Amino acid sequence: MININNQNKVFLEVSKKLDRKIECYVIGGTAMMFYNLKELTKDIDLVFENEEDRNVFIEALESLGYKKMDSRILYGKKKNQPEMLSFDDYRFNLFLLEIISFIFSENSKKRIDTIREFDHNLVIKVADPNDIFLMKCATERIKDLDDAKAIIDRNLIKWDVLLEETKNQINLGKQRAALDLGLFLEDLEKQDIKPPKEFSDKLFKIVENQAREKQKKTNFLR
């Protein structure tokens, strides 16, 4: 596990090893620590715009002694898995713009209002809490429900933003976005977290319409 102070020291060490400026997005528990929503995290989750930037970052980590590990240990057979490197008892998860079943969209980028720069070569852009929440639906790791609950408890969720980004994810090709969010919220309800009825009704309507359209296509192909 790593806390915010040690995490920032790591970012500074990496920055000094980079031979050019790299910008990336921070998500998951790492981002939550910037919002004081979490004290420790096992995974430092970063999202890169392109493979070249990610490879430069990996080279910097390896020069500091980090070792590559098999992402299937954590993510099984899921698609769009990250490159993973570990050191001591924490690890880096380095994604490209697709995080399992979530696309870090242009809208996600526009919602960012927290940026940190380490030395001269590393710029960290902290994902908005709403996008962090939606990515928790995608990654399905052990602590994701607890993290999502912490975001809601701090009143950082804007339900209209969740709904609009879910629609956006569907338009970007992530057809299960609404269903996955609904199932995730069902699990949260077991912890006495219940979304507003208006939101739930609208989300259910999206899933219902998708099912109806799928049935129409099935009937047409028969």
C-alpha atoms as a PDB file:
ATOM      1  CA  MET A   1       0.000   0.000   0.000  1.00  0.00           C
ATOM      2  CA  ILE A   2       1.072   3.587  -0.572  1.00  0.00           C
ATOM      3  CA  ASN A   3      -0.119   6.928   0.845  1.00  0.00           C
ATOM      4  CA  ILE A   4      -0.428  10.280  -0.915  1.00  0.00           C
ATOM      5  CA  ASN A   5       2.927  11.621   0.277  1.00  0.00           C
ATOM      6  CA  ASN A   6       4.882   8.566  -0.838  1.00  0.00           C
ATOM      7  CA  GLN A   7       2.914   8.430  -4.053  1.00  0.00           C
ATOM      8  CA  ASN A   8       3.892  12.013  -4.838  1.00  0.00           C
ATOM      9  CA  LYS A   9       7.525  11.152  -4.106  1.00  0.00           C
ATOM     10  CA  VAL A  10       7.271   8.300  -6.608  1.00  0.00           C
ATOM     11  CA  PHE A  11       5.812  10.625  -9.237  1.00  0.00           C
ATOM     12  CA  LEU A  12       8.701  13.009  -8.637  1.00  0.00           C
ATOM     13  CA  GLU A  13      11.243  10.192  -8.993  1.00  0.00           C
ATOM     14  CA  VAL A  14       9.633   9.073 -12.244  1.00  0.00           C
ATOM     15  CA  SER A  15       9.542  12.617 -13.595  1.00  0.00           C
ATOM     16  CA  LYS A  16      13.291  12.957 -13.082  1.00  0.00           C
ATOM     17  CA  LYS A  17      13.837   9.815 -15.146  1.00  0.00           C
ATOM     18  CA  LEU A  18      11.726  11.003 -18.078  1.00  0.00           C
ATOM     19  CA  ASP A  19      13.570  12.518 -21.024  1.00  0.00           C
ATOM     20  CA  ARG A  20      10.576  14.581 -22.137  1.00  0.00           C
ATOM     21  CA  LYS A  21       7.258  15.888 -20.849  1.00  0.00           C
ATOM     22  CA  ILE A  22       4.523  13.298 -20.366  1.00  0.00           C
ATOM     23  CA  GLU A  23       0.889  14.037 -19.554  1.00  0.00           C
ATOM     24  CA  CYS A  24      -1.457  11.395 -18.203  1.00  0.00           C
ATOM     25  CA  TYR A  25      -4.733  11.032 -16.322  1.00  0.00           C
ATOM     26  CA  VAL A  26      -4.963   9.609 -12.836  1.00  0.00           C
ATOM     27  CA  ILE A  27      -7.993   7.512 -11.883  1.00  0.00           C
ATOM     28  CA  GLY A  28      -9.067   5.038  -9.194  1.00  0.00           C
ATOM     29  CA  GLY A  29      -7.689   5.108  -5.666  1.00  0.00           C
ATOM     30  CA  THR A  30      -4.824   7.327  -6.793  1.00  0.00           C
ATOM     31  CA  ALA A  31      -7.250  10.046  -7.863  1.00  0.00           C
ATOM     32  CA  MET A  32      -9.328   9.533  -4.725  1.00  0.00           C
ATOM     33  CA  MET A  33      -6.299  10.323  -2.575  1.00  0.00           C
ATOM     34  CA  PHE A  34      -5.988  13.699  -4.326  1.00  0.00           C
ATOM     35  CA  TYR A  35      -9.598  14.362  -3.240  1.00  0.00           C
ATOM     36  CA  ASN A  36      -8.882  13.188   0.341  1.00  0.00           C
ATOM     37  CA  LEU A  37     -11.306  10.321  -0.141  1.00  0.00           C
ATOM     38  CA  LYS A  38      -8.772   7.628   0.634  1.00  0.00           C
ATOM     39  CA  GLU A  39      -5.618   7.373   2.738  1.00  0.00           C
ATOM     40  CA  LEU A  40      -3.936   4.381   1.086  1.00  0.00           C
ATOM     41  CA  THR A  41      -4.100   2.534  -2.205  1.00  0.00           C
ATOM     42  CA  LYS A  42      -2.634  -0.655  -3.602  1.00  0.00           C
ATOM     43  CA  ASP A  43      -2.885   0.452  -7.222  1.00  0.00           C
ATOM     44  CA  ILE A  44      -1.586   3.593  -8.885  1.00  0.00           C
ATOM     45  CA  ASP A  45      -3.897   3.830 -11.913  1.00  0.00           C
ATOM     46  CA  LEU A  46      -2.865   6.018 -14.847  1.00  0.00           C
ATOM     47  CA  VAL A  47      -4.372   6.527 -18.297  1.00  0.00           C
ATOM     48  CA  PHE A  48      -2.281   7.550 -21.306  1.00  0.00           C
ATOM     49  CA  GLU A  49      -3.286   9.056 -24.628  1.00  0.00           C
ATOM     50  CA  ASN A  50      -0.960   6.852 -26.676  1.00  0.00           C
ATOM     51  CA  GLU A  51       1.327   3.830 -26.569  1.00  0.00           C
ATOM     52  CA  GLU A  52       4.483   5.890 -27.058  1.00  0.00           C
ATOM     53  CA  ASP A  53       3.932   7.953 -23.892  1.00  0.00           C
ATOM     54  CA  ARG A  54       3.085   4.843 -21.920  1.00  0.00           C
ATOM     55  CA  ASN A  55       6.262   3.105 -23.101  1.00  0.00           C
ATOM     56  CA  VAL A  56       8.391   6.100 -22.064  1.00  0.00           C
ATOM     57  CA  PHE A  57       6.756   5.970 -18.620  1.00  0.00           C
ATOM     58  CA  ILE A  58       7.373   2.216 -18.369  1.00  0.00           C
ATOM     59  CA  GLU A  59      11.056   2.711 -19.193  1.00  0.00           C
ATOM     60  CA  ALA A  60      11.300   5.276 -16.398  1.00  0.00           C
ATOM     61  CA  LEU A  61       9.685   2.874 -13.923  1.00  0.00           C
ATOM     62  CA  GLU A  62      11.964   0.014 -14.951  1.00  0.00           C
ATOM     63  CA  SER A  63      15.018   2.230 -14.454  1.00  0.00           C
ATOM     64  CA  LEU A  64      13.818   2.675 -10.854  1.00  0.00           C
ATOM     65  CA  GLY A  65      13.560  -1.056 -10.273  1.00  0.00           C
ATOM     66  CA  TYR A  66       9.885  -1.719 -11.028  1.00  0.00           C
ATOM     67  CA  LYS A  67       9.122  -5.136 -12.503  1.00  0.00           C
ATOM     68  CA  LYS A  68       6.448  -6.054 -15.040  1.00  0.00           C
ATOM     69  CA  MET A  69       3.702  -8.397 -13.895  1.00  0.00           C
ATOM     70  CA  ASP A  70       0.899 -10.307 -15.583  1.00  0.00           C
ATOM     71  CA  SER A  71      -2.269  -8.166 -15.567  1.00  0.00           C
ATOM     72  CA  ARG A  72      -4.423 -11.300 -15.805  1.00  0.00           C
ATOM     73  CA  ILE A  73      -3.668 -11.929 -12.132  1.00  0.00           C
ATOM     74  CA  LEU A  74      -5.872  -8.939 -11.320  1.00  0.00           C
ATOM     75  CA  TYR A  75      -8.155  -8.618 -14.352  1.00  0.00           C
ATOM     76  CA  GLY A  76      -8.649 -12.192 -15.528  1.00  0.00           C
ATOM     77  CA  LYS A  77      -9.838 -12.319 -19.142  1.00  0.00           C
ATOM     78  CA  LYS A  78     -11.201  -8.772 -19.294  1.00  0.00           C
ATOM     79  CA  LYS A  79     -10.433  -6.676 -22.367  1.00  0.00           C
ATOM     80  CA  ASN A  80      -8.364  -3.475 -22.435  1.00  0.00           C
ATOM     81  CA  GLN A  81      -6.167  -4.481 -19.529  1.00  0.00           C
ATOM     82  CA  PRO A  82      -3.303  -2.250 -18.405  1.00  0.00           C
ATOM     83  CA  GLU A  83       0.412  -2.776 -18.464  1.00  0.00           C
ATOM     84  CA  MET A  84       1.300  -3.540 -14.851  1.00  0.00           C
ATOM     85  CA  LEU A  85       4.519  -2.999 -12.908  1.00  0.00           C
ATOM     86  CA  SER A  86       5.086  -3.582  -9.215  1.00  0.00           C
ATOM     87  CA  PHE A  87       7.453  -2.495  -6.469  1.00  0.00           C
ATOM     88  CA  ASP A  88       7.267  -3.471  -2.806  1.00  0.00           C
ATOM     89  CA  ASP A  89       3.561  -3.820  -1.943  1.00  0.00           C
ATOM     90  CA  TYR A  90       1.993  -1.524  -4.533  1.00  0.00           C
ATOM     91  CA  ARG A  91       1.705  -1.551  -8.302  1.00  0.00           C
ATOM     92  CA  PHE A  92       1.195   0.676 -11.315  1.00  0.00           C
ATOM     93  CA  ASN A  93      -1.728  -0.002 -13.680  1.00  0.00           C
ATOM     94  CA  LEU A  94      -1.025   1.818 -16.939  1.00  0.00           C
ATOM     95  CA  PHE A  95      -4.032   1.999 -19.270  1.00  0.00           C
ATOM     96  CA  LEU A  96      -4.497   3.529 -22.674  1.00  0.00           C
ATOM     97  CA  LEU A  97      -7.753   5.442 -23.224  1.00  0.00           C
ATOM     98  CA  GLU A  98      -9.899   2.323 -22.721  1.00  0.00           C
ATOM     99  CA  ILE A  99     -10.136   1.144 -19.134  1.00  0.00           C
ATOM    100  CA  ILE A 100     -11.614  -2.369 -19.374  1.00  0.00           C
ATOM    101  CA  SER A 101     -15.198  -1.473 -20.456  1.00  0.00           C
ATOM    102  CA  PHE A 102     -14.974   2.325 -20.068  1.00  0.00           C
ATOM    103  CA  ILE A 103     -13.598   4.842 -22.546  1.00  0.00           C
ATOM    104  CA  PHE A 104     -11.896   7.889 -21.065  1.00  0.00           C
ATOM    105  CA  SER A 105     -13.893  10.189 -23.314  1.00  0.00           C
ATOM    106  CA  GLU A 106     -13.469  13.788 -24.426  1.00  0.00           C
ATOM    107  CA  ASN A 107     -16.222  14.665 -21.962  1.00  0.00           C
ATOM    108  CA  SER A 108     -14.251  12.970 -19.179  1.00  0.00           C
ATOM    109  CA  LYS A 109     -11.223  15.074 -20.075  1.00  0.00           C
ATOM    110  CA  LYS A 110     -13.260  18.294 -20.070  1.00  0.00           C
ATOM    111  CA  ARG A 111     -14.540  17.628 -16.544  1.00  0.00           C
ATOM    112  CA  ILE A 112     -11.016  17.673 -15.106  1.00  0.00           C
ATOM    113  CA  ASP A 113     -10.200  20.713 -12.966  1.00  0.00           C
ATOM    114  CA  THR A 114      -7.353  19.336 -10.817  1.00  0.00           C
ATOM    115  CA  ILE A 115      -3.864  19.180 -12.330  1.00  0.00           C
ATOM    116  CA  ARG A 116      -0.533  18.473 -10.626  1.00  0.00           C
ATOM    117  CA  GLU A 117       2.935  18.885 -12.128  1.00  0.00           C
ATOM    118  CA  PHE A 118       5.950  16.987 -10.821  1.00  0.00           C
ATOM    119  CA  ASP A 119       9.347  18.493 -11.584  1.00  0.00           C
ATOM    120  CA  HIS A 120       9.340  19.482 -15.265  1.00  0.00           C
ATOM    121  CA  ASN A 121       8.358  16.322 -17.122  1.00  0.00           C
ATOM    122  CA  LEU A 122       5.271  14.781 -15.524  1.00  0.00           C
ATOM    123  CA  VAL A 123       1.818  16.334 -15.616  1.00  0.00           C
ATOM    124  CA  ILE A 124      -0.935  14.479 -13.742  1.00  0.00           C
ATOM    125  CA  LYS A 125      -4.567  15.314 -14.542  1.00  0.00           C
ATOM    126  CA  VAL A 126      -6.964  14.036 -11.886  1.00  0.00           C
ATOM    127  CA  ALA A 127     -10.204  12.488 -13.150  1.00  0.00           C
ATOM    128  CA  ASP A 128     -13.519  13.961 -12.009  1.00  0.00           C
ATOM    129  CA  PRO A 129     -15.245  11.972  -9.208  1.00  0.00           C
ATOM    130  CA  ASN A 130     -18.141  11.088 -11.524  1.00  0.00           C
ATOM    131  CA  ASP A 131     -15.783   9.437 -13.992  1.00  0.00           C
ATOM    132  CA  ILE A 132     -13.896   7.713 -11.169  1.00  0.00           C
ATOM    133  CA  PHE A 133     -17.234   6.275 -10.048  1.00  0.00           C
ATOM    134  CA  LEU A 134     -18.138   5.016 -13.530  1.00  0.00           C
ATOM    135  CA  MET A 135     -14.726   3.409 -13.946  1.00  0.00           C
ATOM    136  CA  LYS A 136     -15.318   1.543 -10.693  1.00  0.00           C
ATOM    137  CA  CYS A 137     -18.174  -0.187 -12.535  1.00  0.00           C
ATOM    138  CA  ALA A 138     -15.725  -1.239 -15.240  1.00  0.00           C
ATOM    139  CA  THR A 139     -12.773  -2.536 -13.237  1.00  0.00           C
ATOM    140  CA  GLU A 140     -14.697  -4.612 -10.660  1.00  0.00           C
ATOM    141  CA  ARG A 141     -11.858  -4.903  -8.173  1.00  0.00           C
ATOM    142  CA  ILE A 142     -12.256  -5.909  -4.539  1.00  0.00           C
ATOM    143  CA  LYS A 143     -12.408  -2.396  -3.045  1.00  0.00           C
ATOM    144  CA  ASP A 144     -14.390  -0.754  -5.852  1.00  0.00           C
ATOM    145  CA  LEU A 145     -17.734  -0.815  -4.024  1.00  0.00           C
ATOM    146  CA  ASP A 146     -16.178   0.716  -0.906  1.00  0.00           C
ATOM    147  CA  ASP A 147     -14.533   3.421  -3.019  1.00  0.00           C
ATOM    148  CA  ALA A 148     -17.774   4.179  -4.862  1.00  0.00           C
ATOM    149  CA  LYS A 149     -19.609   4.462  -1.534  1.00  0.00           C
ATOM    150  CA  ALA A 150     -16.984   6.940  -0.287  1.00  0.00           C
ATOM    151  CA  ILE A 151     -17.539   9.140  -3.348  1.00  0.00           C
ATOM    152  CA  ILE A 152     -21.315   9.140  -2.814  1.00  0.00           C
ATOM    153  CA  ASP A 153     -21.017   9.725   0.937  1.00  0.00           C
ATOM    154  CA  ARG A 154     -18.965  12.871   0.244  1.00  0.00           C
ATOM    155  CA  ASN A 155     -21.757  14.155  -2.049  1.00  0.00           C
ATOM    156  CA  LEU A 156     -19.441  14.316  -5.059  1.00  0.00           C
ATOM    157  CA  ILE A 157     -21.777  12.513  -7.448  1.00  0.00           C
ATOM    158  CA  LYS A 158     -23.887  14.454  -9.919  1.00  0.00           C
ATOM    159  CA  TRP A 159     -26.493  11.966 -11.059  1.00  0.00           C
ATOM    160  CA  ASP A 160     -27.265  13.852 -14.253  1.00  0.00           C
ATOM    161  CA  VAL A 161     -23.563  13.662 -15.199  1.00  0.00           C
ATOM    162  CA  LEU A 162     -23.533   9.900 -14.571  1.00  0.00           C
ATOM    163  CA  LEU A 163     -26.548   9.495 -16.812  1.00  0.00           C
ATOM    164  CA  GLU A 164     -25.167  11.650 -19.637  1.00  0.00           C
ATOM    165  CA  GLU A 165     -21.768   9.942 -19.567  1.00  0.00           C
ATOM    166  CA  THR A 166     -23.460   6.546 -19.593  1.00  0.00           C
ATOM    167  CA  LYS A 167     -25.321   7.580 -22.755  1.00  0.00           C
ATOM    168  CA  ASN A 168     -22.039   8.863 -24.163  1.00  0.00           C
ATOM    169  CA  GLN A 169     -20.329   5.531 -23.459  1.00  0.00           C
ATOM    170  CA  ILE A 170     -23.110   3.732 -25.326  1.00  0.00           C
ATOM    171  CA  ASN A 171     -22.681   6.085 -28.290  1.00  0.00           C
ATOM    172  CA  LEU A 172     -18.953   5.299 -28.203  1.00  0.00           C
ATOM    173  CA  GLY A 173     -19.729   1.598 -28.564  1.00  0.00           C
ATOM    174  CA  LYS A 174     -19.885   0.458 -24.934  1.00  0.00           C
ATOM    175  CA  GLN A 175     -23.343  -1.074 -25.190  1.00  0.00           C
ATOM    176  CA  ARG A 176     -23.284  -2.582 -21.681  1.00  0.00           C
ATOM    177  CA  ALA A 177     -22.577   0.753 -19.960  1.00  0.00           C
ATOM    178  CA  ALA A 178     -26.118   1.289 -18.636  1.00  0.00           C
ATOM    179  CA  LEU A 179     -26.604  -2.338 -17.609  1.00  0.00           C
ATOM    180  CA  ASP A 180     -23.229  -2.478 -15.848  1.00  0.00           C
ATOM    181  CA  LEU A 181     -23.990   0.744 -13.977  1.00  0.00           C
ATOM    182  CA  GLY A 182     -27.368  -0.614 -12.934  1.00  0.00           C
ATOM    183  CA  LEU A 183     -25.860  -3.840 -11.620  1.00  0.00           C
ATOM    184  CA  PHE A 184     -23.158  -1.899  -9.774  1.00  0.00           C
ATOM    185  CA  LEU A 185     -25.799   0.289  -8.130  1.00  0.00           C
ATOM    186  CA  GLU A 186     -27.748  -2.810  -7.119  1.00  0.00           C
ATOM    187  CA  ASP A 187     -24.668  -4.009  -5.238  1.00  0.00           C
ATOM    188  CA  LEU A 188     -24.357  -0.586  -3.602  1.00  0.00           C
ATOM    189  CA  GLU A 189     -27.979  -0.755  -2.459  1.00  0.00           C
ATOM    190  CA  LYS A 190     -26.957  -3.703  -0.267  1.00  0.00           C
ATOM    191  CA  GLN A 191     -24.824  -1.145   1.596  1.00  0.00           C
ATOM    192  CA  ASP A 192     -27.829   1.191   1.993  1.00  0.00           C
ATOM    193  CA  ILE A 193     -26.788   3.432  -0.906  1.00  0.00           C
ATOM    194  CA  LYS A 194     -29.791   4.231  -3.043  1.00  0.00           C
ATOM    195  CA  PRO A 195     -29.714   6.589  -6.048  1.00  0.00           C
ATOM    196  CA  PRO A 196     -32.533   9.093  -6.646  1.00  0.00           C
ATOM    197  CA  LYS A 197     -35.653   7.441  -8.074  1.00  0.00           C
ATOM    198  CA  GLU A 198     -35.700   9.770 -11.079  1.00  0.00           C
ATOM    199  CA  PHE A 199     -32.165   8.678 -11.986  1.00  0.00           C
ATOM    200  CA  SER A 200     -32.980   4.980 -11.528  1.00  0.00           C
ATOM    201  CA  ASP A 201     -36.092   5.317 -13.690  1.00  0.00           C
ATOM    202  CA  LYS A 202     -34.133   6.992 -16.493  1.00  0.00           C
ATOM    203  CA  LEU A 203     -31.344   4.423 -16.322  1.00  0.00           C
ATOM    204  CA  PHE A 204     -33.859   1.574 -16.424  1.00  0.00           C
ATOM    205  CA  LYS A 205     -35.501   3.201 -19.450  1.00  0.00           C
ATOM    206  CA  ILE A 206     -32.171   3.201 -21.300  1.00  0.00           C
ATOM    207  CA  VAL A 207     -31.643  -0.510 -20.572  1.00  0.00           C
ATOM    208  CA  GLU A 208     -35.237  -1.256 -21.545  1.00  0.00           C
ATOM    209  CA  ASN A 209     -34.917   0.596 -24.857  1.00  0.00           C
ATOM    210  CA  GLN A 210     -31.648  -1.189 -25.628  1.00  0.00           C
ATOM    211  CA  ALA A 211     -33.293  -4.561 -24.993  1.00  0.00           C
ATOM    212  CA  ARG A 212     -36.222  -3.618 -27.235  1.00  0.00           C
ATOM    213  CA  GLU A 213     -33.919  -2.532 -30.074  1.00  0.00           C
ATOM    214  CA  LYS A 214     -31.890  -5.724 -29.737  1.00  0.00           C
ATOM    215  CA  GLN A 215     -35.062  -7.784 -29.953  1.00  0.00           C
ATOM    216  CA  LYS A 216     -36.132  -5.909 -33.087  1.00  0.00           C
ATOM    217  CA  LYS A 217     -32.810  -6.695 -34.755  1.00  0.00           C
ATOM    218  CA  THR A 218     -33.092 -10.339 -33.745  1.00  0.00           C
ATOM    219  CA  ASN A 219     -36.611 -10.586 -35.228  1.00  0.00           C
ATOM    220  CA  PHE A 220     -35.461  -8.845 -38.414  1.00  0.00           C
ATOM    221  CA  LEU A 221     -32.640 -11.352 -38.958  1.00  0.00           C
ATOM    222  CA  ARG A 222     -34.886 -14.381 -38.552  1.00  0.00           C
END
